[in-house]
């Protein structure tokens, strides 16, 4: 991983945070495993396709990229639990982690309510 290049990419695209998650973050990656990266980009500058290419170049591996502000509660929870901060402030990372856990908790309440309703109305 080229950290100076990663910082340059993050600044170019106006990213608030770059977070590694998945097998590379957990430490159980296999040979050929890609990097799962979540970026916080409330004010993204530039093309998302180029961002992916530039991140792949900085990490020197294939990368799957998601944008935190656009992901669902389940993935937000995964990023919150497994995430390792590669770029950005610890305070911003902590806020994202709390948001991810909160969204998951809110979603679980809704899913339980839907499940209970379906149990009542479906034979």
N, C-alpha and C. Protein backbone atom coordinates (compact mmCIF):
# COMPACT_ATOMS: atom_id res chain seq x y z
N UNK A 1 0.84 -1.17 0.00
CA UNK A 1 0.00 0.00 0.00
C UNK A 1 0.89 1.24 0.00
N UNK A 2 0.54 2.17 -0.85
CA UNK A 2 1.28 3.42 -0.95
C UNK A 2 0.51 4.51 -0.19
N UNK A 3 0.84 4.72 1.08
CA UNK A 3 0.08 5.67 1.92
C UNK A 3 0.11 7.11 1.40
N UNK A 4 1.26 7.62 0.94
CA UNK A 4 1.24 8.98 0.39
C UNK A 4 0.30 9.09 -0.82
N UNK A 5 0.30 8.07 -1.66
CA UNK A 5 -0.59 8.06 -2.83
C UNK A 5 -2.05 8.00 -2.38
N UNK A 6 -2.33 7.19 -1.37
CA UNK A 6 -3.69 7.08 -0.84
C UNK A 6 -4.16 8.44 -0.30
N UNK A 7 -3.31 9.13 0.44
CA UNK A 7 -3.67 10.46 0.95
C UNK A 7 -3.94 11.43 -0.19
N UNK A 8 -3.12 11.36 -1.23
CA UNK A 8 -3.31 12.25 -2.38
C UNK A 8 -4.64 11.98 -3.07
N UNK A 9 -4.99 10.71 -3.23
CA UNK A 9 -6.27 10.34 -3.84
C UNK A 9 -7.42 10.86 -2.98
N UNK A 10 -7.32 10.65 -1.68
CA UNK A 10 -8.38 11.10 -0.76
C UNK A 10 -8.58 12.61 -0.85
N UNK A 11 -7.51 13.33 -0.92
CA UNK A 11 -7.61 14.80 -1.02
C UNK A 11 -8.17 15.23 -2.38
N UNK A 12 -7.72 14.57 -3.44
CA UNK A 12 -8.19 14.92 -4.78
C UNK A 12 -9.71 14.77 -4.90
N UNK A 13 -10.25 13.72 -4.31
CA UNK A 13 -11.69 13.45 -4.43
C UNK A 13 -12.48 14.00 -3.24
N UNK A 14 -11.82 14.72 -2.35
CA UNK A 14 -12.48 15.35 -1.21
C UNK A 14 -13.12 14.32 -0.27
N UNK A 15 -12.40 13.24 -0.01
CA UNK A 15 -12.90 12.18 0.87
C UNK A 15 -12.65 12.56 2.33
N UNK A 16 -13.63 12.29 3.17
CA UNK A 16 -13.46 12.53 4.61
C UNK A 16 -12.75 11.37 5.29
N UNK A 17 -12.96 10.15 4.77
CA UNK A 17 -12.36 8.97 5.38
C UNK A 17 -12.24 7.86 4.35
N UNK A 18 -11.22 7.05 4.51
CA UNK A 18 -11.05 5.82 3.73
C UNK A 18 -10.91 4.70 4.75
N UNK A 19 -11.80 3.71 4.66
CA UNK A 19 -11.88 2.65 5.66
C UNK A 19 -11.75 1.29 4.99
N UNK A 20 -10.83 0.50 5.48
CA UNK A 20 -10.66 -0.88 5.02
C UNK A 20 -11.56 -1.78 5.85
N UNK A 21 -12.27 -2.70 5.20
CA UNK A 21 -13.07 -3.69 5.93
C UNK A 21 -13.00 -5.00 5.17
N UNK A 22 -13.67 -6.01 5.64
CA UNK A 22 -13.64 -7.31 4.97
C UNK A 22 -12.43 -8.13 5.39
N UNK A 23 -12.08 -9.10 4.54
CA UNK A 23 -11.04 -10.07 4.90
C UNK A 23 -9.68 -9.42 5.17
N UNK A 24 -9.34 -8.38 4.44
CA UNK A 24 -8.05 -7.71 4.68
C UNK A 24 -8.03 -7.05 6.06
N UNK A 25 -9.14 -6.47 6.46
CA UNK A 25 -9.20 -5.82 7.78
C UNK A 25 -9.25 -6.86 8.90
N UNK A 26 -9.95 -7.97 8.64
CA UNK A 26 -10.06 -9.02 9.67
C UNK A 26 -8.78 -9.83 9.81
N UNK A 27 -7.95 -9.81 8.77
CA UNK A 27 -6.71 -10.57 8.81
C UNK A 27 -6.84 -11.99 8.29
N UNK A 28 -7.94 -12.29 7.59
CA UNK A 28 -8.10 -13.64 7.05
C UNK A 28 -8.16 -13.65 5.52
N UNK A 29 -7.51 -12.67 4.90
CA UNK A 29 -7.46 -12.60 3.44
C UNK A 29 -6.63 -13.75 2.89
N UNK A 30 -7.02 -14.18 1.72
CA UNK A 30 -6.27 -15.21 1.01
C UNK A 30 -5.50 -14.56 -0.13
N UNK A 31 -4.63 -15.31 -0.70
CA UNK A 31 -3.89 -14.80 -1.85
C UNK A 31 -4.89 -14.41 -2.93
N UNK A 32 -4.72 -13.22 -3.45
CA UNK A 32 -5.62 -12.73 -4.49
C UNK A 32 -6.86 -12.03 -3.97
N UNK A 33 -7.02 -11.97 -2.64
CA UNK A 33 -8.17 -11.25 -2.08
C UNK A 33 -8.08 -9.78 -2.44
N UNK A 34 -9.23 -9.21 -2.80
CA UNK A 34 -9.23 -7.79 -3.10
C UNK A 34 -9.34 -6.98 -1.81
N UNK A 35 -9.25 -5.68 -1.94
CA UNK A 35 -9.44 -4.78 -0.82
C UNK A 35 -10.89 -4.31 -0.84
N UNK A 36 -11.58 -4.43 0.28
CA UNK A 36 -12.91 -3.86 0.44
C UNK A 36 -12.71 -2.52 1.13
N UNK A 37 -13.08 -1.46 0.45
CA UNK A 37 -12.83 -0.12 0.96
C UNK A 37 -14.14 0.67 0.96
N UNK A 38 -14.39 1.33 2.06
CA UNK A 38 -15.53 2.22 2.17
C UNK A 38 -15.00 3.64 2.33
N UNK A 39 -15.50 4.55 1.52
CA UNK A 39 -15.08 5.94 1.63
C UNK A 39 -16.25 6.77 2.13
N UNK A 40 -15.94 7.75 2.94
CA UNK A 40 -16.93 8.74 3.32
C UNK A 40 -16.71 9.93 2.40
N UNK A 41 -17.73 10.23 1.60
CA UNK A 41 -17.58 11.24 0.57
C UNK A 41 -18.84 12.10 0.44
N UNK A 42 -19.18 12.86 1.49
CA UNK A 42 -20.38 13.68 1.39
C UNK A 42 -20.27 14.79 0.34
N UNK A 43 -19.05 15.12 -0.03
CA UNK A 43 -18.82 16.16 -1.05
C UNK A 43 -17.87 15.62 -2.13
N UNK A 44 -18.18 14.45 -2.64
CA UNK A 44 -17.31 13.79 -3.62
C UNK A 44 -17.06 14.70 -4.81
N UNK A 45 -15.78 14.84 -5.15
CA UNK A 45 -15.37 15.58 -6.33
C UNK A 45 -14.86 14.57 -7.34
N UNK A 46 -15.34 14.67 -8.57
CA UNK A 46 -14.80 13.81 -9.61
C UNK A 46 -15.64 12.58 -9.87
N UNK A 47 -15.14 11.77 -10.77
CA UNK A 47 -15.82 10.59 -11.28
C UNK A 47 -15.59 9.39 -10.37
N UNK A 48 -16.66 8.69 -10.03
CA UNK A 48 -16.53 7.52 -9.14
C UNK A 48 -15.68 6.42 -9.77
N UNK A 49 -15.80 6.22 -11.07
CA UNK A 49 -15.00 5.20 -11.75
C UNK A 49 -13.52 5.49 -11.65
N UNK A 50 -13.16 6.74 -11.81
CA UNK A 50 -11.75 7.11 -11.67
C UNK A 50 -11.28 6.97 -10.23
N UNK A 51 -12.16 7.28 -9.30
CA UNK A 51 -11.82 7.10 -7.88
C UNK A 51 -11.44 5.65 -7.61
N UNK A 52 -12.24 4.72 -8.11
CA UNK A 52 -11.94 3.30 -7.91
C UNK A 52 -10.58 2.95 -8.50
N UNK A 53 -10.32 3.41 -9.71
CA UNK A 53 -9.03 3.15 -10.35
C UNK A 53 -7.87 3.75 -9.58
N UNK A 54 -8.05 4.96 -9.11
CA UNK A 54 -6.98 5.61 -8.35
C UNK A 54 -6.73 4.92 -7.00
N UNK A 55 -7.81 4.46 -6.36
CA UNK A 55 -7.64 3.72 -5.10
C UNK A 55 -6.93 2.39 -5.35
N UNK A 56 -7.29 1.71 -6.44
CA UNK A 56 -6.63 0.45 -6.77
C UNK A 56 -5.14 0.67 -7.01
N UNK A 57 -4.81 1.76 -7.66
CA UNK A 57 -3.40 2.08 -7.91
C UNK A 57 -2.67 2.37 -6.59
N UNK A 58 -3.32 3.11 -5.70
CA UNK A 58 -2.69 3.45 -4.41
C UNK A 58 -2.52 2.21 -3.53
N UNK A 59 -3.50 1.30 -3.58
CA UNK A 59 -3.43 0.09 -2.75
C UNK A 59 -2.65 -1.03 -3.43
N UNK A 60 -2.41 -0.86 -4.72
CA UNK A 60 -1.66 -1.84 -5.52
C UNK A 60 -2.36 -3.19 -5.57
N UNK A 61 -3.68 -3.18 -5.55
CA UNK A 61 -4.50 -4.40 -5.60
C UNK A 61 -5.85 -4.05 -6.20
N UNK A 62 -6.62 -5.10 -6.53
CA UNK A 62 -8.00 -4.90 -6.91
C UNK A 62 -8.77 -4.39 -5.70
N UNK A 63 -9.75 -3.53 -5.96
CA UNK A 63 -10.51 -2.97 -4.85
C UNK A 63 -11.99 -2.92 -5.18
N UNK A 64 -12.80 -3.20 -4.18
CA UNK A 64 -14.24 -2.97 -4.23
C UNK A 64 -14.49 -1.76 -3.35
N UNK A 65 -15.16 -0.77 -3.91
CA UNK A 65 -15.37 0.48 -3.19
C UNK A 65 -16.86 0.73 -2.98
N UNK A 66 -17.20 1.13 -1.77
CA UNK A 66 -18.55 1.61 -1.50
C UNK A 66 -18.44 2.99 -0.87
N UNK A 67 -19.50 3.76 -1.02
CA UNK A 67 -19.55 5.10 -0.44
C UNK A 67 -20.48 5.05 0.76
N UNK A 68 -19.96 5.38 1.92
CA UNK A 68 -20.69 5.22 3.17
C UNK A 68 -22.06 5.89 3.12
N UNK A 69 -22.13 7.06 2.55
CA UNK A 69 -23.38 7.81 2.53
C UNK A 69 -24.44 7.16 1.64
N UNK A 70 -24.09 6.11 0.91
CA UNK A 70 -25.03 5.45 -0.01
C UNK A 70 -25.28 3.98 0.32
N UNK A 71 -24.69 3.46 1.37
CA UNK A 71 -24.84 2.03 1.65
C UNK A 71 -26.00 1.78 2.61
N UNK A 72 -26.45 0.55 2.62
CA UNK A 72 -27.54 0.15 3.50
C UNK A 72 -27.05 -0.17 4.90
N UNK A 73 -28.01 -0.39 5.81
CA UNK A 73 -27.68 -0.62 7.21
C UNK A 73 -26.80 -1.84 7.47
N UNK A 74 -27.01 -2.92 6.74
CA UNK A 74 -26.23 -4.13 6.98
C UNK A 74 -24.75 -3.90 6.66
N UNK A 75 -24.48 -3.29 5.51
CA UNK A 75 -23.09 -3.02 5.15
C UNK A 75 -22.49 -1.95 6.06
N UNK A 76 -23.29 -0.96 6.45
CA UNK A 76 -22.80 0.08 7.37
C UNK A 76 -22.36 -0.55 8.69
N UNK A 77 -23.11 -1.54 9.16
CA UNK A 77 -22.73 -2.24 10.39
C UNK A 77 -21.42 -3.00 10.19
N UNK A 78 -21.28 -3.68 9.06
CA UNK A 78 -20.04 -4.41 8.78
C UNK A 78 -18.84 -3.47 8.78
N UNK A 79 -18.99 -2.32 8.12
CA UNK A 79 -17.91 -1.33 8.09
C UNK A 79 -17.61 -0.84 9.51
N UNK A 80 -18.65 -0.61 10.29
CA UNK A 80 -18.47 -0.13 11.67
C UNK A 80 -17.74 -1.14 12.54
N UNK A 81 -18.07 -2.40 12.39
CA UNK A 81 -17.50 -3.45 13.24
C UNK A 81 -16.09 -3.84 12.80
N UNK A 82 -15.90 -4.01 11.49
CA UNK A 82 -14.62 -4.52 10.98
C UNK A 82 -13.64 -3.43 10.57
N UNK A 83 -14.13 -2.21 10.38
CA UNK A 83 -13.35 -1.17 9.74
C UNK A 83 -12.04 -0.80 10.40
N UNK A 84 -11.05 -0.53 9.54
CA UNK A 84 -9.74 -0.01 9.95
C UNK A 84 -9.53 1.28 9.17
N UNK A 85 -9.27 2.36 9.87
CA UNK A 85 -9.10 3.66 9.24
C UNK A 85 -7.78 3.74 8.48
N UNK A 86 -7.87 4.04 7.19
CA UNK A 86 -6.67 4.22 6.36
C UNK A 86 -6.35 5.69 6.14
N UNK A 87 -7.41 6.53 6.12
CA UNK A 87 -7.24 7.97 5.92
C UNK A 87 -8.40 8.68 6.61
N UNK A 88 -8.09 9.81 7.22
CA UNK A 88 -9.12 10.64 7.84
C UNK A 88 -8.90 10.74 9.33
N UNK A 89 -9.76 11.52 9.95
CA UNK A 89 -9.61 11.73 11.39
C UNK A 89 -10.28 10.61 12.17
N UNK A 90 -9.72 10.32 13.31
CA UNK A 90 -10.29 9.30 14.20
C UNK A 90 -11.69 9.74 14.64
N UNK A 91 -11.90 11.03 14.87
CA UNK A 91 -13.22 11.52 15.29
C UNK A 91 -14.26 11.26 14.20
N UNK A 92 -13.91 11.53 12.95
CA UNK A 92 -14.84 11.27 11.84
C UNK A 92 -15.14 9.78 11.74
N UNK A 93 -14.12 8.96 11.86
CA UNK A 93 -14.28 7.50 11.80
C UNK A 93 -15.21 7.03 12.92
N UNK A 94 -15.02 7.54 14.11
CA UNK A 94 -15.88 7.15 15.24
C UNK A 94 -17.33 7.56 14.99
N UNK A 95 -17.55 8.74 14.42
CA UNK A 95 -18.92 9.17 14.09
C UNK A 95 -19.55 8.25 13.05
N UNK A 96 -18.78 7.85 12.05
CA UNK A 96 -19.29 6.92 11.03
C UNK A 96 -19.62 5.57 11.64
N UNK A 97 -18.77 5.10 12.52
CA UNK A 97 -19.02 3.81 13.18
C UNK A 97 -20.30 3.87 14.00
N UNK A 98 -20.49 4.93 14.76
CA UNK A 98 -21.71 5.08 15.55
C UNK A 98 -22.94 5.14 14.66
N UNK A 99 -22.83 5.87 13.56
CA UNK A 99 -23.94 5.96 12.61
C UNK A 99 -24.27 4.59 12.03
N UNK A 100 -23.25 3.84 11.66
CA UNK A 100 -23.46 2.50 11.10
C UNK A 100 -24.17 1.57 12.07
N UNK A 101 -23.75 1.59 13.33
CA UNK A 101 -24.39 0.75 14.35
C UNK A 101 -25.82 1.21 14.60
N UNK A 102 -26.04 2.53 14.68
CA UNK A 102 -27.39 3.06 14.91
C UNK A 102 -28.33 2.69 13.77
N UNK A 103 -27.86 2.84 12.53
CA UNK A 103 -28.71 2.48 11.39
C UNK A 103 -29.07 1.00 11.42
N UNK A 104 -28.12 0.16 11.80
CA UNK A 104 -28.40 -1.27 11.90
C UNK A 104 -29.42 -1.54 12.99
N UNK A 105 -29.26 -0.91 14.14
CA UNK A 105 -30.21 -1.10 15.24
C UNK A 105 -31.61 -0.65 14.83
N UNK A 106 -31.71 0.50 14.17
CA UNK A 106 -33.01 0.99 13.69
C UNK A 106 -33.62 0.02 12.69
N UNK A 107 -32.80 -0.51 11.81
CA UNK A 107 -33.27 -1.45 10.79
C UNK A 107 -33.76 -2.74 11.44
N UNK A 108 -33.04 -3.22 12.43
CA UNK A 108 -33.44 -4.46 13.11
C UNK A 108 -34.82 -4.32 13.74
N UNK A 109 -35.10 -3.16 14.35
CA UNK A 109 -36.42 -2.93 14.95
C UNK A 109 -37.50 -3.03 13.87
N UNK A 110 -37.25 -2.40 12.74
CA UNK A 110 -38.21 -2.42 11.63
C UNK A 110 -38.40 -3.85 11.12
N UNK A 111 -37.31 -4.56 10.91
CA UNK A 111 -37.41 -5.93 10.40
C UNK A 111 -38.15 -6.85 11.36
N UNK A 112 -37.94 -6.66 12.66
CA UNK A 112 -38.69 -7.45 13.65
C UNK A 112 -40.18 -7.15 13.56
N UNK A 113 -40.53 -5.88 13.40
CA UNK A 113 -41.94 -5.49 13.29
C UNK A 113 -42.57 -6.09 12.04
N UNK A 114 -41.86 -6.04 10.92
CA UNK A 114 -42.36 -6.62 9.67
C UNK A 114 -42.52 -8.13 9.83
N UNK A 115 -41.55 -8.78 10.43
CA UNK A 115 -41.62 -10.22 10.63
C UNK A 115 -42.81 -10.60 11.51
N UNK A 116 -43.03 -9.85 12.58
CA UNK A 116 -44.17 -10.12 13.46
C UNK A 116 -45.49 -9.93 12.72
N UNK A 117 -45.56 -8.89 11.92
CA UNK A 117 -46.78 -8.65 11.13
C UNK A 117 -47.02 -9.79 10.15
N UNK A 118 -45.99 -10.20 9.44
CA UNK A 118 -46.14 -11.29 8.47
C UNK A 118 -46.52 -12.60 9.15
N UNK A 119 -45.99 -12.84 10.34
CA UNK A 119 -46.37 -14.04 11.09
C UNK A 119 -47.86 -14.03 11.43
N UNK A 120 -48.41 -12.83 11.68
CA UNK A 120 -49.83 -12.72 12.01
C UNK A 120 -50.73 -12.88 10.80
N UNK A 121 -50.33 -12.34 9.66
CA UNK A 121 -51.25 -12.30 8.51
C UNK A 121 -51.06 -13.46 7.53
N UNK A 122 -49.93 -14.11 7.56
CA UNK A 122 -49.70 -15.23 6.64
C UNK A 122 -49.84 -16.54 7.40
N UNK A 123 -50.51 -17.50 6.76
CA UNK A 123 -50.68 -18.80 7.42
C UNK A 123 -49.36 -19.54 7.59
